[in-house]
Amino acid sequence: MMAISQQKTNPRIAAIASQGLRLQSVLVHHRSHIPEKIVLCQQSVEHARHADDPNILVAALRELGVAYKYDDQPNNWFKTM
């Protein structure tokens, strides 16, 4: 699904991929793997940009900001928010 969403052909698939990655990042966060959470959130943001849905993009960016906060990256947190 993520490979299809990167082709920029179907915004709905990109939206589902973004949401799935964001939810996966929440699970990873509960295991305290913050660097992995950042990677998942960055991928989620990338897919959200292709989804053409501002709500999905905001949710992905917010989760990325949370990841930066927990990784003690205040500059990245500020830019993301």
PDB file of N, CA and C in Angstrom:
ATOM      1  N   MET A   1       0.823  -1.183   0.000  1.00  0.00           N
ATOM      2  CA  MET A   1       0.000   0.000   0.000  1.00  0.00           C
ATOM      3  C   MET A   1       0.877   1.260   0.000  1.00  0.00           C
ATOM      4  N   MET A   2       1.972   1.228   0.780  1.00  0.00           N
ATOM      5  CA  MET A   2       2.832   2.416   0.849  1.00  0.00           C
ATOM      6  C   MET A   2       3.527   2.657  -0.492  1.00  0.00           C
ATOM      7  N   ALA A   3       3.901   1.584  -1.195  1.00  0.00           N
ATOM      8  CA  ALA A   3       4.538   1.747  -2.498  1.00  0.00           C
ATOM      9  C   ALA A   3       3.560   2.365  -3.490  1.00  0.00           C
ATOM     10  N   ILE A   4       2.305   1.947  -3.436  1.00  0.00           N
ATOM     11  CA  ILE A   4       1.289   2.504  -4.335  1.00  0.00           C
ATOM     12  C   ILE A   4       1.048   3.974  -4.014  1.00  0.00           C
ATOM     13  N   SER A   5       1.033   4.329  -2.738  1.00  0.00           N
ATOM     14  CA  SER A   5       0.737   5.717  -2.365  1.00  0.00           C
ATOM     15  C   SER A   5       1.841   6.660  -2.800  1.00  0.00           C
ATOM     16  N   GLN A   6       3.065   6.165  -2.928  1.00  0.00           N
ATOM     17  CA  GLN A   6       4.167   7.028  -3.348  1.00  0.00           C
ATOM     18  C   GLN A   6       4.092   7.360  -4.833  1.00  0.00           C
ATOM     19  N   GLN A   7       3.281   6.621  -5.574  1.00  0.00           N
ATOM     20  CA  GLN A   7       3.126   6.904  -6.994  1.00  0.00           C
ATOM     21  C   GLN A   7       2.240   8.118  -7.240  1.00  0.00           C
ATOM     22  N   LYS A   8       1.663   8.656  -6.183  1.00  0.00           N
ATOM     23  CA  LYS A   8       0.832   9.864  -6.247  1.00  0.00           C
ATOM     24  C   LYS A   8      -0.383   9.672  -7.150  1.00  0.00           C
ATOM     25  N   THR A   9      -0.885   8.446  -7.240  1.00  0.00           N
ATOM     26  CA  THR A   9      -2.020   8.203  -8.117  1.00  0.00           C
ATOM     27  C   THR A   9      -3.348   8.211  -7.372  1.00  0.00           C
ATOM     28  N   ASN A  10      -3.344   7.841  -6.103  1.00  0.00           N
ATOM     29  CA  ASN A  10      -4.589   7.725  -5.376  1.00  0.00           C
ATOM     30  C   ASN A  10      -4.453   8.356  -3.994  1.00  0.00           C
ATOM     31  N   PRO A  11      -5.048   9.518  -3.800  1.00  0.00           N
ATOM     32  CA  PRO A  11      -4.947  10.184  -2.500  1.00  0.00           C
ATOM     33  C   PRO A  11      -5.519   9.369  -1.346  1.00  0.00           C
ATOM     34  N   ARG A  12      -6.528   8.538  -1.612  1.00  0.00           N
ATOM     35  CA  ARG A  12      -7.119   7.731  -0.533  1.00  0.00           C
ATOM     36  C   ARG A  12      -6.134   6.687  -0.018  1.00  0.00           C
ATOM     37  N   ILE A  13      -5.368   6.097  -0.926  1.00  0.00           N
ATOM     38  CA  ILE A  13      -4.370   5.111  -0.509  1.00  0.00           C
ATOM     39  C   ILE A  13      -3.266   5.800   0.281  1.00  0.00           C
ATOM     40  N   ALA A  14      -2.873   6.993  -0.168  1.00  0.00           N
ATOM     41  CA  ALA A  14      -1.856   7.754   0.567  1.00  0.00           C
ATOM     42  C   ALA A  14      -2.361   8.098   1.968  1.00  0.00           C
ATOM     43  N   ALA A  15      -3.626   8.421   2.085  1.00  0.00           N
ATOM     44  CA  ALA A  15      -4.205   8.748   3.391  1.00  0.00           C
ATOM     45  C   ALA A  15      -4.178   7.536   4.317  1.00  0.00           C
ATOM     46  N   ILE A  16      -4.536   6.379   3.798  1.00  0.00           N
ATOM     47  CA  ILE A  16      -4.529   5.158   4.606  1.00  0.00           C
ATOM     48  C   ILE A  16      -3.106   4.808   5.026  1.00  0.00           C
ATOM     49  N   ALA A  17      -2.160   4.944   4.116  1.00  0.00           N
ATOM     50  CA  ALA A  17      -0.759   4.656   4.435  1.00  0.00           C
ATOM     51  C   ALA A  17      -0.260   5.596   5.528  1.00  0.00           C
ATOM     52  N   SER A  18      -0.602   6.875   5.412  1.00  0.00           N
ATOM     53  CA  SER A  18      -0.176   7.852   6.417  1.00  0.00           C
ATOM     54  C   SER A  18      -0.747   7.524   7.785  1.00  0.00           C
ATOM     55  N   GLN A  19      -2.023   7.205   7.828  1.00  0.00           N
ATOM     56  CA  GLN A  19      -2.663   6.891   9.104  1.00  0.00           C
ATOM     57  C   GLN A  19      -2.093   5.611   9.714  1.00  0.00           C
ATOM     58  N   GLY A  20      -1.819   4.633   8.879  1.00  0.00           N
ATOM     59  CA  GLY A  20      -1.243   3.387   9.372  1.00  0.00           C
ATOM     60  C   GLY A  20       0.139   3.593   9.962  1.00  0.00           C
ATOM     61  N   LEU A  21       0.953   4.397   9.274  1.00  0.00           N
ATOM     62  CA  LEU A  21       2.290   4.688   9.789  1.00  0.00           C
ATOM     63  C   LEU A  21       2.220   5.467  11.096  1.00  0.00           C
ATOM     64  N   ARG A  22       1.301   6.396  11.165  1.00  0.00           N
ATOM     65  CA  ARG A  22       1.149   7.189  12.392  1.00  0.00           C
ATOM     66  C   ARG A  22       0.734   6.300  13.555  1.00  0.00           C
ATOM     67  N   LEU A  23      -0.206   5.405  13.327  1.00  0.00           N
ATOM     68  CA  LEU A  23      -0.626   4.487  14.388  1.00  0.00           C
ATOM     69  C   LEU A  23       0.499   3.539  14.785  1.00  0.00           C
ATOM     70  N   GLN A  24       1.267   3.092  13.805  1.00  0.00           N
ATOM     71  CA  GLN A  24       2.414   2.236  14.110  1.00  0.00           C
ATOM     72  C   GLN A  24       3.429   2.996  14.964  1.00  0.00           C
ATOM     73  N   SER A  25       3.589   4.292  14.701  1.00  0.00           N
ATOM     74  CA  SER A  25       4.533   5.083  15.483  1.00  0.00           C
ATOM     75  C   SER A  25       4.095   5.199  16.943  1.00  0.00           C
ATOM     76  N   VAL A  26       2.788   5.200  17.176  1.00  0.00           N
ATOM     77  CA  VAL A  26       2.285   5.234  18.555  1.00  0.00           C
ATOM     78  C   VAL A  26       2.663   3.942  19.286  1.00  0.00           C
ATOM     79  N   LEU A  27       2.514   2.821  18.613  1.00  0.00           N
ATOM     80  CA  LEU A  27       2.888   1.546  19.220  1.00  0.00           C
ATOM     81  C   LEU A  27       4.388   1.479  19.495  1.00  0.00           C
ATOM     82  N   VAL A  28       5.175   1.980  18.568  1.00  0.00           N
ATOM     83  CA  VAL A  28       6.631   2.003  18.737  1.00  0.00           C
ATOM     84  C   VAL A  28       7.011   2.899  19.914  1.00  0.00           C
ATOM     85  N   HIS A  29       6.290   3.996  20.071  1.00  0.00           N
ATOM     86  CA  HIS A  29       6.549   4.917  21.173  1.00  0.00           C
ATOM     87  C   HIS A  29       6.335   4.218  22.518  1.00  0.00           C
ATOM     88  N   HIS A  30       5.338   3.378  22.607  1.00  0.00           N
ATOM     89  CA  HIS A  30       5.061   2.670  23.857  1.00  0.00           C
ATOM     90  C   HIS A  30       6.180   1.694  24.223  1.00  0.00           C
ATOM     91  N   ARG A  31       6.974   1.300  23.224  1.00  0.00           N
ATOM     92  CA  ARG A  31       8.134   0.453  23.499  1.00  0.00           C
ATOM     93  C   ARG A  31       9.391   1.299  23.684  1.00  0.00           C
ATOM     94  N   SER A  32       9.221   2.625  23.709  1.00  0.00           N
ATOM     95  CA  SER A  32      10.322   3.585  23.927  1.00  0.00           C
ATOM     96  C   SER A  32      11.391   3.539  22.841  1.00  0.00           C
ATOM     97  N   HIS A  33      10.989   3.288  21.608  1.00  0.00           N
ATOM     98  CA  HIS A  33      11.904   3.339  20.465  1.00  0.00           C
ATOM     99  C   HIS A  33      11.674   4.654  19.717  1.00  0.00           C
ATOM    100  N   ILE A  34      12.098   5.735  20.333  1.00  0.00           N
ATOM    101  CA  ILE A  34      11.804   7.066  19.801  1.00  0.00           C
ATOM    102  C   ILE A  34      12.455   7.317  18.436  1.00  0.00           C
ATOM    103  N   PRO A  35      13.727   6.934  18.213  1.00  0.00           N
ATOM    104  CA  PRO A  35      14.286   7.156  16.867  1.00  0.00           C
ATOM    105  C   PRO A  35      13.482   6.460  15.762  1.00  0.00           C
ATOM    106  N   GLU A  36      12.985   5.265  16.054  1.00  0.00           N
ATOM    107  CA  GLU A  36      12.144   4.553  15.082  1.00  0.00           C
ATOM    108  C   GLU A  36      10.820   5.287  14.885  1.00  0.00           C
ATOM    109  N   LYS A  37      10.289   5.861  15.959  1.00  0.00           N
ATOM    110  CA  LYS A  37       9.044   6.638  15.870  1.00  0.00           C
ATOM    111  C   LYS A  37       9.236   7.832  14.947  1.00  0.00           C
ATOM    112  N   ILE A  38      10.383   8.491  15.043  1.00  0.00           N
ATOM    113  CA  ILE A  38      10.646   9.657  14.191  1.00  0.00           C
ATOM    114  C   ILE A  38      10.628   9.253  12.724  1.00  0.00           C
ATOM    115  N   VAL A  39      11.268   8.144  12.397  1.00  0.00           N
ATOM    116  CA  VAL A  39      11.299   7.684  10.998  1.00  0.00           C
ATOM    117  C   VAL A  39       9.893   7.378  10.502  1.00  0.00           C
ATOM    118  N   LEU A  40       9.112   6.677  11.318  1.00  0.00           N
ATOM    119  CA  LEU A  40       7.740   6.356  10.918  1.00  0.00           C
ATOM    120  C   LEU A  40       6.903   7.618  10.730  1.00  0.00           C
ATOM    121  N   CYS A  41       7.087   8.582  11.620  1.00  0.00           N
ATOM    122  CA  CYS A  41       6.326   9.832  11.518  1.00  0.00           C
ATOM    123  C   CYS A  41       6.732  10.629  10.285  1.00  0.00           C
ATOM    124  N   GLN A  42       8.007  10.639   9.964  1.00  0.00           N
ATOM    125  CA  GLN A  42       8.452  11.336   8.761  1.00  0.00           C
ATOM    126  C   GLN A  42       7.847  10.699   7.519  1.00  0.00           C
ATOM    127  N   GLN A  43       7.781   9.374   7.496  1.00  0.00           N
ATOM    128  CA  GLN A  43       7.138   8.684   6.376  1.00  0.00           C
ATOM    129  C   GLN A  43       5.649   8.994   6.341  1.00  0.00           C
ATOM    130  N   SER A  44       5.032   9.058   7.506  1.00  0.00           N
ATOM    131  CA  SER A  44       3.614   9.383   7.583  1.00  0.00           C
ATOM    132  C   SER A  44       3.333  10.772   7.004  1.00  0.00           C
ATOM    133  N   VAL A  45       4.187  11.727   7.330  1.00  0.00           N
ATOM    134  CA  VAL A  45       4.033  13.092   6.801  1.00  0.00           C
ATOM    135  C   VAL A  45       4.174  13.090   5.279  1.00  0.00           C
ATOM    136  N   GLU A  46       5.146  12.340   4.780  1.00  0.00           N
ATOM    137  CA  GLU A  46       5.346  12.280   3.331  1.00  0.00           C
ATOM    138  C   GLU A  46       4.105  11.741   2.627  1.00  0.00           C
ATOM    139  N   HIS A  47       3.530  10.682   3.156  1.00  0.00           N
ATOM    140  CA  HIS A  47       2.318  10.122   2.550  1.00  0.00           C
ATOM    141  C   HIS A  47       1.135  11.069   2.728  1.00  0.00           C
ATOM    142  N   ALA A  48       1.073  11.735   3.857  1.00  0.00           N
ATOM    143  CA  ALA A  48      -0.028  12.671   4.112  1.00  0.00           C
ATOM    144  C   ALA A  48      -0.009  13.830   3.111  1.00  0.00           C
ATOM    145  N   ARG A  49       1.161  14.243   2.704  1.00  0.00           N
ATOM    146  CA  ARG A  49       1.256  15.327   1.701  1.00  0.00           C
ATOM    147  C   ARG A  49       0.624  14.898   0.370  1.00  0.00           C
ATOM    148  N   HIS A  50       0.683  13.612   0.057  1.00  0.00           N
ATOM    149  CA  HIS A  50       0.092  13.099  -1.183  1.00  0.00           C
ATOM    150  C   HIS A  50      -1.398  12.827  -1.037  1.00  0.00           C
ATOM    151  N   ALA A  51      -1.887  12.851   0.193  1.00  0.00           N
ATOM    152  CA  ALA A  51      -3.289  12.500   0.438  1.00  0.00           C
ATOM    153  C   ALA A  51      -4.254  13.639   0.117  1.00  0.00           C
ATOM    154  N   ASP A  52      -3.765  14.849   0.000  1.00  0.00           N
ATOM    155  CA  ASP A  52      -4.615  16.012  -0.276  1.00  0.00           C
ATOM    156  C   ASP A  52      -5.720  16.173   0.768  1.00  0.00           C
ATOM    157  N   ASP A  53      -5.389  15.874   2.020  1.00  0.00           N
ATOM    158  CA  ASP A  53      -6.340  16.029   3.123  1.00  0.00           C
ATOM    159  C   ASP A  53      -5.615  16.744   4.257  1.00  0.00           C
ATOM    160  N   PRO A  54      -5.979  17.998   4.504  1.00  0.00           N
ATOM    161  CA  PRO A  54      -5.258  18.762   5.531  1.00  0.00           C
ATOM    162  C   PRO A  54      -5.371  18.162   6.929  1.00  0.00           C
ATOM    163  N   ASN A  55      -6.471  17.494   7.234  1.00  0.00           N
ATOM    164  CA  ASN A  55      -6.623  16.882   8.558  1.00  0.00           C
ATOM    165  C   ASN A  55      -5.613  15.763   8.777  1.00  0.00           C
ATOM    166  N   ILE A  56      -5.383  14.962   7.761  1.00  0.00           N
ATOM    167  CA  ILE A  56      -4.414  13.871   7.867  1.00  0.00           C
ATOM    168  C   ILE A  56      -3.007  14.438   7.978  1.00  0.00           C
ATOM    169  N   LEU A  57      -2.723  15.503   7.220  1.00  0.00           N
ATOM    170  CA  LEU A  57      -1.406  16.122   7.292  1.00  0.00           C
ATOM    171  C   LEU A  57      -1.145  16.721   8.666  1.00  0.00           C
ATOM    172  N   VAL A  58      -2.125  17.394   9.228  1.00  0.00           N
ATOM    173  CA  VAL A  58      -1.961  17.995  10.560  1.00  0.00           C
ATOM    174  C   VAL A  58      -1.728  16.910  11.609  1.00  0.00           C
ATOM    175  N   ALA A  59      -2.468  15.821  11.531  1.00  0.00           N
ATOM    176  CA  ALA A  59      -2.292  14.733  12.493  1.00  0.00           C
ATOM    177  C   ALA A  59      -0.893  14.127  12.380  1.00  0.00           C
ATOM    178  N   ALA A  60      -0.421  13.945  11.158  1.00  0.00           N
ATOM    179  CA  ALA A  60       0.920  13.383  10.951  1.00  0.00           C
ATOM    180  C   ALA A  60       1.997  14.336  11.462  1.00  0.00           C
ATOM    181  N   LEU A  61       1.842  15.626  11.185  1.00  0.00           N
ATOM    182  CA  LEU A  61       2.823  16.605  11.656  1.00  0.00           C
ATOM    183  C   LEU A  61       2.811  16.704  13.178  1.00  0.00           C
ATOM    184  N   ARG A  62       1.641  16.630  13.763  1.00  0.00           N
ATOM    185  CA  ARG A  62       1.557  16.703  15.221  1.00  0.00           C
ATOM    186  C   ARG A  62       2.251  15.520  15.878  1.00  0.00           C
ATOM    187  N   GLU A  63       2.052  14.342  15.321  1.00  0.00           N
ATOM    188  CA  GLU A  63       2.711  13.153  15.871  1.00  0.00           C
ATOM    189  C   GLU A  63       4.225  13.236  15.686  1.00  0.00           C
ATOM    190  N   LEU A  64       4.663  13.801  14.567  1.00  0.00           N
ATOM    191  CA  LEU A  64       6.100  14.014  14.356  1.00  0.00           C
ATOM    192  C   LEU A  64       6.647  14.988  15.391  1.00  0.00           C
ATOM    193  N   GLY A  65       5.900  16.035  15.680  1.00  0.00           N
ATOM    194  CA  GLY A  65       6.310  16.980  16.706  1.00  0.00           C
ATOM    195  C   GLY A  65       6.452  16.320  18.070  1.00  0.00           C
ATOM    196  N   VAL A  66       5.533  15.429  18.398  1.00  0.00           N
ATOM    197  CA  VAL A  66       5.609  14.695  19.663  1.00  0.00           C
ATOM    198  C   VAL A  66       6.881  13.844  19.696  1.00  0.00           C
ATOM    199  N   ALA A  67       7.187  13.211  18.569  1.00  0.00           N
ATOM    200  CA  ALA A  67       8.397  12.386  18.509  1.00  0.00           C
ATOM    201  C   ALA A  67       9.643  13.240  18.747  1.00  0.00           C
ATOM    202  N   TYR A  68       9.692  14.419  18.130  1.00  0.00           N
ATOM    203  CA  TYR A  68      10.840  15.300  18.336  1.00  0.00           C
ATOM    204  C   TYR A  68      10.919  15.760  19.790  1.00  0.00           C
ATOM    205  N   LYS A  69       9.783  16.010  20.394  1.00  0.00           N
ATOM    206  CA  LYS A  69       9.771  16.441  21.795  1.00  0.00           C
ATOM    207  C   LYS A  69      10.364  15.368  22.697  1.00  0.00           C
ATOM    208  N   TYR A  70       9.946  14.126  22.518  1.00  0.00           N
ATOM    209  CA  TYR A  70      10.442  13.035  23.350  1.00  0.00           C
ATOM    210  C   TYR A  70      11.895  12.685  23.037  1.00  0.00           C
ATOM    211  N   ASP A  71      12.374  13.064  21.856  1.00  0.00           N
ATOM    212  CA  ASP A  71      13.774  12.823  21.505  1.00  0.00           C
ATOM    213  C   ASP A  71      14.647  14.018  21.865  1.00  0.00           C
ATOM    214  N   ASP A  72      14.067  14.994  22.563  1.00  0.00           N
ATOM    215  CA  ASP A  72      14.790  16.193  23.011  1.00  0.00           C
ATOM    216  C   ASP A  72      15.401  16.953  21.833  1.00  0.00           C
ATOM    217  N   GLN A  73      14.548  17.237  20.840  1.00  0.00           N
ATOM    218  CA  GLN A  73      14.938  18.032  19.673  1.00  0.00           C
ATOM    219  C   GLN A  73      14.019  19.249  19.597  1.00  0.00           C
ATOM    220  N   PRO A  74      14.255  20.250  20.479  1.00  0.00           N
ATOM    221  CA  PRO A  74      13.325  21.383  20.534  1.00  0.00           C
ATOM    222  C   PRO A  74      13.263  22.195  19.242  1.00  0.00           C
ATOM    223  N   ASN A  75      14.355  22.316  18.508  1.00  0.00           N
ATOM    224  CA  ASN A  75      14.330  23.082  17.256  1.00  0.00           C
ATOM    225  C   ASN A  75      13.454  22.402  16.226  1.00  0.00           C
ATOM    226  N   ASN A  76      13.595  21.090  16.074  1.00  0.00           N
ATOM    227  CA  ASN A  76      12.757  20.352  15.136  1.00  0.00           C
ATOM    228  C   ASN A  76      11.295  20.350  15.577  1.00  0.00           C
ATOM    229  N   TRP A  77      11.072  20.253  16.889  1.00  0.00           N
ATOM    230  CA  TRP A  77       9.715  20.307  17.424  1.00  0.00           C
ATOM    231  C   TRP A  77       9.060  21.630  17.041  1.00  0.00           C
ATOM    232  N   PHE A  78       9.799  22.735  17.259  1.00  0.00           N
ATOM    233  CA  PHE A  78       9.263  24.057  16.969  1.00  0.00           C
ATOM    234  C   PHE A  78       8.956  24.206  15.474  1.00  0.00           C
ATOM    235  N   LYS A  79       9.867  23.785  14.614  1.00  0.00           N
ATOM    236  CA  LYS A  79       9.641  23.901  13.168  1.00  0.00           C
ATOM    237  C   LYS A  79       8.453  23.068  12.720  1.00  0.00           C
ATOM    238  N   THR A  80       8.292  21.913  13.319  1.00  0.00           N
ATOM    239  CA  THR A  80       7.191  21.030  12.923  1.00  0.00           C
ATOM    240  C   THR A  80       5.852  21.578  13.378  1.00  0.00           C
ATOM    241  N   MET A  81       5.818  22.120  14.572  1.00  0.00           N
ATOM    242  CA  MET A  81       4.570  22.667  15.089  1.00  0.00           C
ATOM    243  C   MET A  81       4.223  23.962  14.377  1.00  0.00           C
TER     244      MET A  81
END
